[in-house]
Amino acid sequence: MDFIEKIGDAITAKGKEASEKAKELAEIANLKSQISTCEDVIKKNYLEIGRIYFEQYGDMPEPPFEKQCRAIQNARRGAEELREKIDQIKGL
């Protein structure tokens, strides 16, 4: 009987360990999800700051932003030219 009790105790101990490990993993997953949400908020607001800056100062940006503002302006012109080509193909 002593042997069977030891096996039972060992199984119970392993079950508790597995349960604790599962709880830890669930908590870590939850925290990582919260971190991801925080990072999404940061990215969204960085993009919004950039959009606002470009709208207000894109025509005469400060030196550190000249290259990016010029790239945005060029991309906008390029997209507009491509839209015009699409309209031509469609016969509009």
Protein backbone atom coordinates (compact mmCIF):
# COMPACT_ATOMS: atom_id res chain seq x y z
CA MET A 1 0.00 0.00 0.00
CA ASP A 2 2.89 2.34 0.72
CA PHE A 3 4.09 2.03 -2.89
CA ILE A 4 0.68 2.93 -4.29
CA GLU A 5 0.46 5.96 -1.99
CA LYS A 6 3.87 7.14 -3.18
CA ILE A 7 2.75 6.82 -6.81
CA GLY A 8 -0.43 8.71 -5.99
CA ASP A 9 1.53 11.46 -4.24
CA ALA A 10 3.93 11.69 -7.16
CA ILE A 11 1.06 11.97 -9.64
CA THR A 12 -0.62 14.61 -7.49
CA ALA A 13 2.62 16.60 -7.22
CA LYS A 14 3.19 16.45 -10.98
CA GLY A 15 -0.41 17.49 -11.59
CA LYS A 16 0.03 20.52 -9.32
CA GLU A 17 3.29 21.42 -11.10
CA ALA A 18 1.59 21.16 -14.48
CA SER A 19 -1.32 23.25 -13.25
CA GLU A 20 0.99 25.96 -11.93
CA LYS A 21 2.98 25.95 -15.17
CA ALA A 22 -0.25 26.28 -17.16
CA LYS A 23 -1.32 29.23 -15.00
CA GLU A 24 2.07 30.90 -15.52
CA LEU A 25 1.88 30.39 -19.28
CA ALA A 26 -1.66 31.79 -19.37
CA GLU A 27 -0.60 34.84 -17.36
CA ILE A 28 2.42 35.40 -19.61
CA ALA A 29 0.22 35.13 -22.71
CA ASN A 30 -2.21 37.63 -21.20
CA LEU A 31 0.60 40.07 -20.38
CA LYS A 32 2.09 39.71 -23.88
CA SER A 33 -1.32 40.49 -25.32
CA GLN A 34 -1.50 43.63 -23.19
CA ILE A 35 2.00 44.62 -24.33
CA SER A 36 0.91 44.16 -27.94
CA THR A 37 -2.10 46.42 -27.33
CA CYS A 38 0.16 49.08 -25.80
CA GLU A 39 2.55 48.86 -28.76
CA ASP A 40 -0.38 49.20 -31.19
CA VAL A 41 -1.47 52.38 -29.39
CA ILE A 42 2.09 53.73 -29.62
CA LYS A 43 2.33 52.95 -33.35
CA LYS A 44 -1.08 54.48 -34.04
CA ASN A 45 -0.13 57.68 -32.26
CA TYR A 46 3.29 57.89 -33.92
CA LEU A 47 1.53 57.63 -37.28
CA GLU A 48 -0.97 60.30 -36.27
CA ILE A 49 1.83 62.64 -35.14
CA GLY A 50 3.55 62.11 -38.49
CA ARG A 51 0.35 62.74 -40.44
CA ILE A 52 -0.35 65.94 -38.52
CA TYR A 53 3.23 67.13 -38.97
CA PHE A 54 3.11 66.43 -42.71
CA GLU A 55 -0.21 68.22 -43.13
CA GLN A 56 1.08 71.30 -41.30
CA TYR A 57 4.72 71.41 -42.38
CA GLY A 58 5.05 69.08 -45.38
CA ASP A 59 5.62 71.98 -47.79
CA MET A 60 8.48 73.38 -45.70
CA PRO A 61 9.68 70.67 -43.32
CA GLU A 62 12.49 70.99 -40.82
CA PRO A 63 15.79 69.49 -42.08
CA PRO A 64 15.47 66.14 -40.28
CA PHE A 65 12.11 65.54 -42.02
CA GLU A 66 12.84 66.83 -45.53
CA LYS A 67 13.66 63.43 -47.02
CA GLN A 68 10.53 61.75 -45.64
CA CYS A 69 8.23 64.63 -46.62
CA ARG A 70 9.68 64.64 -50.14
CA ALA A 71 9.17 60.87 -50.36
CA ILE A 72 5.53 61.25 -49.31
CA GLN A 73 4.97 64.01 -51.86
CA ASN A 74 6.57 61.92 -54.61
CA ALA A 75 4.53 58.86 -53.65
CA ARG A 76 1.32 60.89 -53.68
CA ARG A 77 2.13 62.24 -57.16
CA GLY A 78 3.00 58.74 -58.35
CA ALA A 79 -0.24 57.31 -56.99
CA GLU A 80 -2.22 60.08 -58.66
CA GLU A 81 -0.52 59.41 -62.01
CA LEU A 82 -1.32 55.71 -61.67
CA ARG A 83 -4.97 56.50 -60.88
CA GLU A 84 -5.11 58.65 -64.01
CA LYS A 85 -3.72 55.77 -66.08
CA ILE A 86 -6.38 53.46 -64.63
CA ASP A 87 -9.05 56.00 -65.58
CA GLN A 88 -7.62 56.17 -69.11
CA ILE A 89 -7.71 52.38 -69.43
CA LYS A 90 -11.29 52.35 -68.23
CA GLY A 91 -12.13 55.10 -70.74
CA LEU A 92 -13.11 57.67 -68.14
